[in-house]
Amino acid sequence: MTAFNPSAWESSQWFIFVLCGIILLGFFGILASQPSKKPIQKPPVSNRIRRPPKLFTLEELRAFNGENGKPIYIAVQGPFDEAPTVFDVSRGREFYGPGGPYHVFAGKNASRGLAKTSTDPDDVEGPLDDLSESQKDALSQWYLRFMEKYENIGHLKVEDVANVKKSD
């Protein structure tokens, strides 16, 4: 009969303890590597251009003022863009459509009016060269708001923007 050997018993307990620890770490590692089950969130509407982007002239843009059931487009100058971005704001028809408080911007390059936070028809369109820094900051904030909320559908032609700057 063999005698009880306490050191052999202790070493086998440690072996089992270490083996169980390795198995548990592996199990938790597998669980942690599983993809989360969070729902997929859709990007903001404006980041998904559903149609090919279009280049608009100012004259073409004017036709999209929401009258006679037409869509409502507004151009807004971005802080780093060469030409204003055209947004489809038809979802905001109660604001930008006929009779709405911001209908003066519909079908126009509204950058100057947004920068000046003015709905005066004389302030809506025109050059941006003479804007103050705070007005330029306001325009940047408006641009970001439009990017988050509305679909980006194109840009104004650079020549038309340059002509507005020269003629005013």
N, C-alpha and C. Protein backbone atom coordinates (compact mmCIF):
# COMPACT_ATOMS: atom_id res chain seq x y z
N MET A 1 0.84 -1.16 0.00
CA MET A 1 0.00 0.00 0.00
C MET A 1 0.89 1.24 0.00
N THR A 2 0.50 2.21 -0.83
CA THR A 2 1.30 3.42 -0.90
C THR A 2 0.83 4.39 0.16
N ALA A 3 1.77 5.11 0.62
CA ALA A 3 1.45 6.09 1.66
C ALA A 3 0.91 7.37 1.03
N PHE A 4 0.13 8.06 1.81
CA PHE A 4 -0.43 9.34 1.35
C PHE A 4 0.71 10.34 1.17
N ASN A 5 0.76 10.95 -0.01
CA ASN A 5 1.82 11.93 -0.31
C ASN A 5 1.16 13.29 -0.49
N PRO A 6 1.24 14.21 0.51
CA PRO A 6 0.55 15.49 0.42
C PRO A 6 1.06 16.36 -0.72
N SER A 7 2.31 16.30 -1.08
CA SER A 7 2.81 17.16 -2.16
C SER A 7 2.22 16.76 -3.52
N ALA A 8 2.00 15.47 -3.74
CA ALA A 8 1.39 15.02 -4.99
C ALA A 8 -0.07 15.49 -5.05
N TRP A 9 -0.77 15.42 -3.91
CA TRP A 9 -2.16 15.86 -3.86
C TRP A 9 -2.25 17.36 -4.14
N GLU A 10 -1.38 18.18 -3.56
CA GLU A 10 -1.39 19.61 -3.76
C GLU A 10 -1.05 19.97 -5.20
N SER A 11 -0.12 19.30 -5.79
CA SER A 11 0.25 19.61 -7.18
C SER A 11 -0.87 19.24 -8.13
N SER A 12 -1.61 18.17 -7.86
CA SER A 12 -2.72 17.82 -8.74
C SER A 12 -3.87 18.82 -8.59
N GLN A 13 -4.07 19.36 -7.36
CA GLN A 13 -5.09 20.39 -7.17
C GLN A 13 -4.72 21.64 -7.97
N TRP A 14 -3.47 22.05 -7.93
CA TRP A 14 -3.02 23.22 -8.67
C TRP A 14 -3.18 22.99 -10.17
N PHE A 15 -2.88 21.82 -10.61
CA PHE A 15 -3.02 21.50 -12.04
C PHE A 15 -4.48 21.65 -12.47
N ILE A 16 -5.41 21.12 -11.68
CA ILE A 16 -6.84 21.21 -11.99
C ILE A 16 -7.29 22.68 -11.94
N PHE A 17 -6.81 23.42 -10.93
CA PHE A 17 -7.17 24.83 -10.80
C PHE A 17 -6.70 25.63 -12.02
N VAL A 18 -5.46 25.43 -12.44
CA VAL A 18 -4.91 26.14 -13.60
C VAL A 18 -5.65 25.72 -14.87
N LEU A 19 -5.93 24.44 -15.02
CA LEU A 19 -6.64 23.94 -16.19
C LEU A 19 -8.05 24.55 -16.27
N CYS A 20 -8.76 24.62 -15.15
CA CYS A 20 -10.10 25.24 -15.14
C CYS A 20 -10.01 26.73 -15.49
N GLY A 21 -8.98 27.42 -14.97
CA GLY A 21 -8.78 28.83 -15.29
C GLY A 21 -8.56 29.05 -16.78
N ILE A 22 -7.76 28.21 -17.38
CA ILE A 22 -7.50 28.33 -18.83
C ILE A 22 -8.78 28.08 -19.62
N ILE A 23 -9.54 27.10 -19.22
CA ILE A 23 -10.80 26.80 -19.91
C ILE A 23 -11.77 27.97 -19.79
N LEU A 24 -11.88 28.56 -18.58
CA LEU A 24 -12.78 29.71 -18.39
C LEU A 24 -12.33 30.91 -19.20
N LEU A 25 -11.03 31.19 -19.22
CA LEU A 25 -10.52 32.31 -20.02
C LEU A 25 -10.82 32.10 -21.50
N GLY A 26 -10.65 30.90 -21.98
CA GLY A 26 -10.96 30.60 -23.37
C GLY A 26 -12.44 30.79 -23.67
N PHE A 27 -13.29 30.34 -22.75
CA PHE A 27 -14.73 30.48 -22.93
C PHE A 27 -15.13 31.96 -22.98
N PHE A 28 -14.60 32.77 -22.03
CA PHE A 28 -14.93 34.19 -22.03
C PHE A 28 -14.33 34.91 -23.24
N GLY A 29 -13.18 34.45 -23.70
CA GLY A 29 -12.58 35.02 -24.91
C GLY A 29 -13.46 34.79 -26.13
N ILE A 30 -14.04 33.60 -26.22
CA ILE A 30 -14.94 33.29 -27.34
C ILE A 30 -16.19 34.16 -27.25
N LEU A 31 -16.73 34.32 -26.05
CA LEU A 31 -17.92 35.17 -25.89
C LEU A 31 -17.62 36.61 -26.25
N ALA A 32 -16.47 37.10 -25.83
CA ALA A 32 -16.11 38.50 -26.10
C ALA A 32 -15.88 38.75 -27.58
N SER A 33 -15.48 37.75 -28.31
CA SER A 33 -15.20 37.95 -29.74
C SER A 33 -16.45 37.87 -30.61
N GLN A 34 -17.58 37.50 -30.04
CA GLN A 34 -18.82 37.43 -30.80
C GLN A 34 -19.29 38.84 -31.15
N PRO A 35 -19.79 39.07 -32.35
CA PRO A 35 -20.27 40.41 -32.71
C PRO A 35 -21.47 40.80 -31.84
N SER A 36 -21.55 42.10 -31.55
CA SER A 36 -22.67 42.57 -30.73
C SER A 36 -23.96 42.49 -31.55
N LYS A 37 -25.05 42.44 -30.86
CA LYS A 37 -26.35 42.30 -31.52
C LYS A 37 -27.07 43.65 -31.59
N LYS A 38 -26.29 44.77 -31.64
CA LYS A 38 -26.89 46.09 -31.74
C LYS A 38 -27.53 46.25 -33.12
N PRO A 39 -28.66 46.93 -33.18
CA PRO A 39 -29.28 47.15 -34.50
C PRO A 39 -28.40 48.06 -35.35
N ILE A 40 -28.41 47.82 -36.63
CA ILE A 40 -27.65 48.64 -37.57
C ILE A 40 -28.37 49.97 -37.73
N GLN A 41 -27.63 51.06 -37.52
CA GLN A 41 -28.24 52.38 -37.65
C GLN A 41 -27.99 52.92 -39.04
N LYS A 42 -29.01 53.53 -39.60
CA LYS A 42 -28.89 54.13 -40.92
C LYS A 42 -28.16 55.46 -40.80
N PRO A 43 -27.31 55.80 -41.78
CA PRO A 43 -26.65 57.10 -41.73
C PRO A 43 -27.68 58.20 -41.97
N PRO A 44 -27.33 59.45 -41.61
CA PRO A 44 -28.27 60.55 -41.89
C PRO A 44 -28.63 60.57 -43.36
N VAL A 45 -29.82 61.07 -43.65
CA VAL A 45 -30.34 61.08 -45.01
C VAL A 45 -29.35 61.74 -45.97
N SER A 46 -28.76 62.87 -45.57
CA SER A 46 -27.92 63.64 -46.48
C SER A 46 -26.65 62.91 -46.87
N ASN A 47 -26.22 61.93 -46.08
CA ASN A 47 -25.00 61.21 -46.41
C ASN A 47 -25.24 60.11 -47.44
N ARG A 48 -26.48 59.87 -47.77
CA ARG A 48 -26.81 58.86 -48.78
C ARG A 48 -27.33 59.59 -50.00
N ILE A 49 -26.53 59.67 -51.02
CA ILE A 49 -26.99 60.30 -52.25
C ILE A 49 -27.64 59.19 -53.07
N ARG A 50 -28.95 59.26 -53.17
CA ARG A 50 -29.69 58.20 -53.86
C ARG A 50 -29.64 58.34 -55.36
N ARG A 51 -29.55 59.55 -55.83
CA ARG A 51 -29.47 59.80 -57.27
C ARG A 51 -28.05 60.25 -57.58
N PRO A 52 -27.66 60.14 -58.83
CA PRO A 52 -26.35 60.70 -59.16
C PRO A 52 -26.36 62.21 -58.89
N PRO A 53 -25.29 62.76 -58.31
CA PRO A 53 -25.28 64.20 -58.05
C PRO A 53 -25.43 64.99 -59.33
N LYS A 54 -26.12 66.10 -59.25
CA LYS A 54 -26.41 66.91 -60.43
C LYS A 54 -25.76 68.28 -60.25
N LEU A 55 -25.34 68.86 -61.35
CA LEU A 55 -24.86 70.24 -61.35
C LEU A 55 -26.00 71.12 -61.80
N PHE A 56 -26.35 72.09 -60.98
CA PHE A 56 -27.46 72.99 -61.26
C PHE A 56 -26.94 74.37 -61.65
N THR A 57 -27.66 75.00 -62.57
CA THR A 57 -27.45 76.44 -62.78
C THR A 57 -28.40 77.14 -61.81
N LEU A 58 -28.17 78.40 -61.57
CA LEU A 58 -29.10 79.15 -60.71
C LEU A 58 -30.50 79.16 -61.30
N GLU A 59 -30.58 79.25 -62.62
CA GLU A 59 -31.89 79.26 -63.30
C GLU A 59 -32.62 77.92 -63.09
N GLU A 60 -31.89 76.80 -63.19
CA GLU A 60 -32.51 75.49 -62.96
C GLU A 60 -32.97 75.36 -61.51
N LEU A 61 -32.16 75.85 -60.60
CA LEU A 61 -32.49 75.76 -59.18
C LEU A 61 -33.77 76.52 -58.85
N ARG A 62 -33.99 77.66 -59.49
CA ARG A 62 -35.16 78.49 -59.21
C ARG A 62 -36.49 77.75 -59.48
N ALA A 63 -36.46 76.78 -60.37
CA ALA A 63 -37.68 76.03 -60.69
C ALA A 63 -38.14 75.14 -59.53
N PHE A 64 -37.24 74.83 -58.60
CA PHE A 64 -37.56 73.92 -57.50
C PHE A 64 -37.85 74.71 -56.23
N ASN A 65 -38.95 75.45 -56.28
CA ASN A 65 -39.33 76.30 -55.15
C ASN A 65 -40.56 75.78 -54.41
N GLY A 66 -41.01 74.58 -54.73
CA GLY A 66 -42.14 73.98 -54.04
C GLY A 66 -43.49 74.36 -54.57
N GLU A 67 -43.55 75.27 -55.51
CA GLU A 67 -44.84 75.68 -56.06
C GLU A 67 -45.30 74.65 -57.09
N ASN A 68 -46.61 74.52 -57.22
CA ASN A 68 -47.23 73.56 -58.15
C ASN A 68 -46.79 72.13 -57.86
N GLY A 69 -46.57 71.81 -56.60
CA GLY A 69 -46.22 70.44 -56.19
C GLY A 69 -44.78 70.03 -56.49
N LYS A 70 -43.95 70.96 -56.94
CA LYS A 70 -42.56 70.62 -57.24
C LYS A 70 -41.76 70.43 -55.95
N PRO A 71 -40.65 69.68 -56.04
CA PRO A 71 -39.78 69.56 -54.87
C PRO A 71 -39.18 70.92 -54.50
N ILE A 72 -38.60 70.99 -53.31
CA ILE A 72 -37.98 72.23 -52.84
C ILE A 72 -36.49 71.98 -52.66
N TYR A 73 -35.69 72.75 -53.40
CA TYR A 73 -34.24 72.64 -53.31
C TYR A 73 -33.69 73.96 -52.81
N ILE A 74 -32.65 73.85 -51.98
CA ILE A 74 -31.95 75.03 -51.47
C ILE A 74 -30.46 74.76 -51.58
N ALA A 75 -29.71 75.75 -52.03
CA ALA A 75 -28.25 75.63 -52.11
C ALA A 75 -27.65 76.34 -50.90
N VAL A 76 -26.65 75.69 -50.29
CA VAL A 76 -25.97 76.25 -49.13
C VAL A 76 -24.46 76.04 -49.31
N GLN A 77 -23.71 77.10 -49.11
CA GLN A 77 -22.25 77.04 -49.25
C GLN A 77 -21.65 76.34 -48.04
N GLY A 78 -20.85 75.31 -48.31
CA GLY A 78 -20.14 74.61 -47.24
C GLY A 78 -18.82 75.29 -46.96
N PRO A 79 -18.25 75.05 -45.78
CA PRO A 79 -17.02 75.75 -45.41
C PRO A 79 -15.82 75.38 -46.28
N PHE A 80 -15.80 74.20 -46.88
CA PHE A 80 -14.66 73.78 -47.67
C PHE A 80 -15.01 73.50 -49.12
N ASP A 81 -16.26 73.77 -49.51
CA ASP A 81 -16.70 73.47 -50.87
C ASP A 81 -16.41 74.64 -51.80
N GLU A 82 -16.12 74.30 -53.04
CA GLU A 82 -15.90 75.33 -54.05
C GLU A 82 -17.23 75.95 -54.48
N ALA A 83 -18.24 75.09 -54.56
CA ALA A 83 -19.57 75.55 -54.98
C ALA A 83 -20.60 75.10 -53.95
N PRO A 84 -21.68 75.85 -53.78
CA PRO A 84 -22.71 75.48 -52.81
C PRO A 84 -23.32 74.11 -53.10
N THR A 85 -23.66 73.41 -52.04
CA THR A 85 -24.32 72.11 -52.12
C THR A 85 -25.81 72.35 -52.24
N VAL A 86 -26.47 71.55 -53.10
CA VAL A 86 -27.92 71.65 -53.27
C VAL A 86 -28.57 70.53 -52.46
N PHE A 87 -29.51 70.93 -51.60
CA PHE A 87 -30.23 69.99 -50.75
C PHE A 87 -31.70 69.93 -51.15
N ASP A 88 -32.26 68.73 -51.07
CA ASP A 88 -33.70 68.55 -51.26
C ASP A 88 -34.34 68.70 -49.88
N VAL A 89 -35.01 69.82 -49.66
CA VAL A 89 -35.63 70.10 -48.36
C VAL A 89 -37.14 69.89 -48.41
N SER A 90 -37.60 69.11 -49.36
CA SER A 90 -39.04 68.88 -49.52
C SER A 90 -39.68 68.31 -48.26
N ARG A 91 -38.93 67.56 -47.47
CA ARG A 91 -39.48 67.03 -46.21
C ARG A 91 -39.87 68.15 -45.26
N GLY A 92 -39.26 69.31 -45.41
CA GLY A 92 -39.57 70.46 -44.57
C GLY A 92 -40.50 71.44 -45.26
N ARG A 93 -41.43 70.91 -46.06
CA ARG A 93 -42.34 71.75 -46.85
C ARG A 93 -43.08 72.78 -46.00
N GLU A 94 -43.41 72.44 -44.75
CA GLU A 94 -44.13 73.40 -43.91
C GLU A 94 -43.27 74.62 -43.58
N PHE A 95 -41.95 74.49 -43.68
CA PHE A 95 -41.05 75.62 -43.44
C PHE A 95 -40.63 76.31 -44.73
N TYR A 96 -40.29 75.51 -45.75
CA TYR A 96 -39.70 76.05 -46.98
C TYR A 96 -40.68 76.15 -48.13
N GLY A 97 -41.86 75.55 -48.00
CA GLY A 97 -42.84 75.56 -49.08
C GLY A 97 -43.62 76.87 -49.11
N PRO A 98 -44.46 77.02 -50.13
CA PRO A 98 -45.29 78.22 -50.24
C PRO A 98 -46.06 78.49 -48.95
N GLY A 99 -45.97 79.73 -48.47
CA GLY A 99 -46.63 80.11 -47.24
C GLY A 99 -45.82 79.83 -45.98
N GLY A 100 -44.71 79.10 -46.12
CA GLY A 100 -43.87 78.78 -44.97
C GLY A 100 -42.97 79.96 -44.59
N PRO A 101 -42.50 79.99 -43.36
CA PRO A 101 -41.69 81.13 -42.91
C PRO A 101 -40.35 81.27 -43.62
N TYR A 102 -39.85 80.19 -44.24
CA TYR A 102 -38.55 80.24 -44.91
C TYR A 102 -38.68 79.99 -46.42
N HIS A 103 -39.86 80.23 -46.96
CA HIS A 103 -40.07 80.02 -48.40
C HIS A 103 -39.17 80.94 -49.23
N VAL A 104 -38.72 82.04 -48.65
CA VAL A 104 -37.85 82.97 -49.37
C VAL A 104 -36.55 82.29 -49.81
N PHE A 105 -36.15 81.19 -49.14
CA PHE A 105 -34.93 80.47 -49.49
C PHE A 105 -35.15 79.43 -50.59
N ALA A 106 -36.39 79.04 -50.83
CA ALA A 106 -36.70 77.95 -51.75
C ALA A 106 -36.26 78.27 -53.18
N GLY A 107 -35.55 77.32 -53.79
CA GLY A 107 -35.10 77.47 -55.16
C GLY A 107 -33.96 78.46 -55.33
N LYS A 108 -33.24 78.75 -54.25
CA LYS A 108 -32.18 79.76 -54.32
C LYS A 108 -30.91 79.28 -53.64
N ASN A 109 -29.82 80.00 -53.92
CA ASN A 109 -28.60 79.84 -53.15
C ASN A 109 -28.81 80.71 -51.91
N ALA A 110 -29.23 80.08 -50.83
CA ALA A 110 -29.63 80.81 -49.62
C ALA A 110 -28.47 81.09 -48.68
N SER A 111 -27.25 80.90 -49.12
CA SER A 111 -26.09 81.01 -48.25
C SER A 111 -25.99 82.36 -47.55
N ARG A 112 -26.17 83.44 -48.29
CA ARG A 112 -26.04 84.77 -47.69
C ARG A 112 -27.14 85.02 -46.64
N GLY A 113 -28.36 84.67 -46.98
CA GLY A 113 -29.46 84.86 -46.04
C GLY A 113 -29.30 84.03 -44.78
N LEU A 114 -28.83 82.79 -44.92
CA LEU A 114 -28.61 81.94 -43.75
C LEU A 114 -27.48 82.50 -42.90
N ALA A 115 -26.41 82.97 -43.54
CA ALA A 115 -25.28 83.54 -42.80
C ALA A 115 -25.70 84.76 -42.01
N LYS A 116 -26.57 85.57 -42.62
CA LYS A 116 -27.02 86.80 -41.96
C LYS A 116 -28.24 86.55 -41.07
N THR A 117 -28.70 85.29 -41.04
CA THR A 117 -29.93 84.91 -40.33
C THR A 117 -31.06 85.89 -40.65
N SER A 118 -31.24 86.10 -41.94
CA SER A 118 -32.24 87.05 -42.41
C SER A 118 -33.15 86.41 -43.44
N THR A 119 -34.43 86.70 -43.34
CA THR A 119 -35.38 86.25 -44.35
C THR A 119 -35.81 87.41 -45.24
N ASP A 120 -35.11 88.51 -45.15
CA ASP A 120 -35.36 89.66 -46.03
C ASP A 120 -34.95 89.23 -47.45
N PRO A 121 -35.85 89.31 -48.43
CA PRO A 121 -35.52 88.87 -49.79
C PRO A 121 -34.25 89.53 -50.35
N ASP A 122 -33.93 90.74 -49.93
CA ASP A 122 -32.72 91.41 -50.41
C ASP A 122 -31.45 90.79 -49.84
N ASP A 123 -31.57 90.08 -48.71
CA ASP A 123 -30.40 89.47 -48.05
C ASP A 123 -30.17 88.02 -48.45
N VAL A 124 -31.14 87.38 -49.09
CA VAL A 124 -31.06 85.94 -49.32
C VAL A 124 -29.92 85.55 -50.24
N GLU A 125 -29.80 86.18 -51.39
CA GLU A 125 -28.77 85.81 -52.35
C GLU A 125 -27.76 86.94 -52.47
N GLY A 126 -26.55 86.55 -52.83
CA GLY A 126 -25.52 87.56 -53.04
C GLY A 126 -24.15 87.03 -52.65
N PRO A 127 -23.16 87.90 -52.75
CA PRO A 127 -21.79 87.47 -52.47
C PRO A 127 -21.58 87.17 -50.98
N LEU A 128 -20.56 86.37 -50.72
CA LEU A 128 -20.24 86.01 -49.34
C LEU A 128 -18.95 86.67 -48.88
N ASP A 129 -18.30 87.39 -49.79
CA ASP A 129 -16.99 87.99 -49.49
C ASP A 129 -17.03 88.98 -48.33
N ASP A 130 -18.13 89.68 -48.17
CA ASP A 130 -18.21 90.73 -47.16
C ASP A 130 -18.79 90.27 -45.82
N LEU A 131 -18.98 88.96 -45.64
CA LEU A 131 -19.55 88.46 -44.39
C LEU A 131 -18.52 88.56 -43.26
N SER A 132 -19.02 88.82 -42.05
CA SER A 132 -18.14 88.85 -40.88
C SER A 132 -17.79 87.41 -40.48
N GLU A 133 -16.83 87.27 -39.59
CA GLU A 133 -16.44 85.93 -39.13
C GLU A 133 -17.61 85.23 -38.42
N SER A 134 -18.37 85.96 -37.64
CA SER A 134 -19.51 85.34 -36.95
C SER A 134 -20.58 84.91 -37.95
N GLN A 135 -20.76 85.66 -39.03
CA GLN A 135 -21.72 85.27 -40.06
C GLN A 135 -21.22 84.03 -40.81
N LYS A 136 -19.91 83.95 -41.06
CA LYS A 136 -19.35 82.76 -41.71
C LYS A 136 -19.51 81.54 -40.81
N ASP A 137 -19.33 81.74 -39.50
CA ASP A 137 -19.55 80.63 -38.55
C ASP A 137 -21.01 80.19 -38.56
N ALA A 138 -21.92 81.15 -38.61
CA ALA A 138 -23.36 80.83 -38.65
C ALA A 138 -23.68 80.03 -39.91
N LEU A 139 -23.09 80.43 -41.04
CA LEU A 139 -23.31 79.71 -42.30
C LEU A 139 -22.79 78.27 -42.18
N SER A 140 -21.62 78.09 -41.57
CA SER A 140 -21.08 76.74 -41.39
C SER A 140 -22.02 75.88 -40.55
N GLN A 141 -22.59 76.47 -39.51
CA GLN A 141 -23.54 75.74 -38.67
C GLN A 141 -24.80 75.36 -39.45
N TRP A 142 -25.29 76.27 -40.26
CA TRP A 142 -26.46 75.96 -41.11
C TRP A 142 -26.12 74.82 -42.07
N TYR A 143 -24.95 74.88 -42.68
CA TYR A 143 -24.53 73.85 -43.63
C TYR A 143 -24.52 72.48 -42.94
N LEU A 144 -23.94 72.41 -41.75
CA LEU A 144 -23.90 71.14 -41.03
C LEU A 144 -25.31 70.64 -40.70
N ARG A 145 -26.19 71.56 -40.34
CA ARG A 145 -27.57 71.19 -40.04
C ARG A 145 -28.26 70.61 -41.28
N PHE A 146 -28.04 71.24 -42.43
CA PHE A 146 -28.63 70.73 -43.68
C PHE A 146 -28.04 69.36 -44.03
N MET A 147 -26.73 69.18 -43.82
CA MET A 147 -26.08 67.89 -44.11
C MET A 147 -26.67 66.77 -43.25
N GLU A 148 -27.00 67.08 -42.02
CA GLU A 148 -27.56 66.08 -41.12
C GLU A 148 -29.02 65.75 -41.45
N LYS A 149 -29.74 66.75 -41.91
CA LYS A 149 -31.20 66.60 -42.01
C LYS A 149 -31.73 66.31 -43.41
N TYR A 150 -31.06 66.82 -44.44
CA TYR A 150 -31.62 66.72 -45.79
C TYR A 150 -30.68 66.01 -46.75
N GLU A 151 -31.27 65.56 -47.84
CA GLU A 151 -30.51 64.83 -48.85
C GLU A 151 -29.71 65.78 -49.73
N ASN A 152 -28.43 65.48 -49.86
CA ASN A 152 -27.53 66.22 -50.74
C ASN A 152 -27.76 65.68 -52.15
N ILE A 153 -28.20 66.56 -53.06
CA ILE A 153 -28.51 66.06 -54.41
C ILE A 153 -27.58 66.60 -55.48
N GLY A 154 -26.70 67.52 -55.13
CA GLY A 154 -25.76 68.05 -56.12
C GLY A 154 -25.13 69.34 -55.68
N HIS A 155 -24.66 70.11 -56.67
CA HIS A 155 -24.00 71.39 -56.42
C HIS A 155 -24.43 72.41 -57.47
N LEU A 156 -24.22 73.67 -57.14
CA LEU A 156 -24.39 74.72 -58.14
C LEU A 156 -23.15 74.74 -59.01
N LYS A 157 -23.33 75.13 -60.25
CA LYS A 157 -22.17 75.26 -61.14
C LYS A 157 -21.29 76.40 -60.64
N VAL A 158 -20.00 76.17 -60.64
CA VAL A 158 -19.05 77.15 -60.13
C VAL A 158 -19.15 78.46 -60.90
N GLU A 159 -19.38 78.39 -62.20
CA GLU A 159 -19.47 79.61 -63.01
C GLU A 159 -20.61 80.50 -62.52
N ASP A 160 -21.75 79.88 -62.16
CA ASP A 160 -22.90 80.66 -61.69
C ASP A 160 -22.60 81.33 -60.36
N VAL A 161 -21.88 80.65 -59.49
CA VAL A 161 -21.52 81.23 -58.20
C VAL A 161 -20.57 82.40 -58.42
N ALA A 162 -19.60 82.24 -59.31
CA ALA A 162 -18.64 83.30 -59.62
C ALA A 162 -19.35 84.51 -60.23
N ASN A 163 -20.34 84.28 -61.09
CA ASN A 163 -21.07 85.38 -61.71
C ASN A 163 -21.87 86.17 -60.67
N VAL A 164 -22.42 85.52 -59.68
CA VAL A 164 -23.17 86.20 -58.63
C VAL A 164 -22.21 87.10 -57.85
N LYS A 165 -21.02 86.59 -57.56
CA LYS A 165 -20.04 87.38 -56.80
C LYS A 165 -19.63 88.62 -57.58
N LYS A 166 -19.49 88.50 -58.92
CA LYS A 166 -19.05 89.64 -59.73
C LYS A 166 -20.17 90.64 -59.96
N SER A 167 -21.40 90.16 -60.12
CA SER A 167 -22.50 91.06 -60.51
C SER A 167 -23.07 91.84 -59.33
N ASP A 168 -22.88 91.35 -58.10
CA ASP A 168 -23.45 92.05 -56.95
C ASP A 168 -22.46 93.02 -56.34
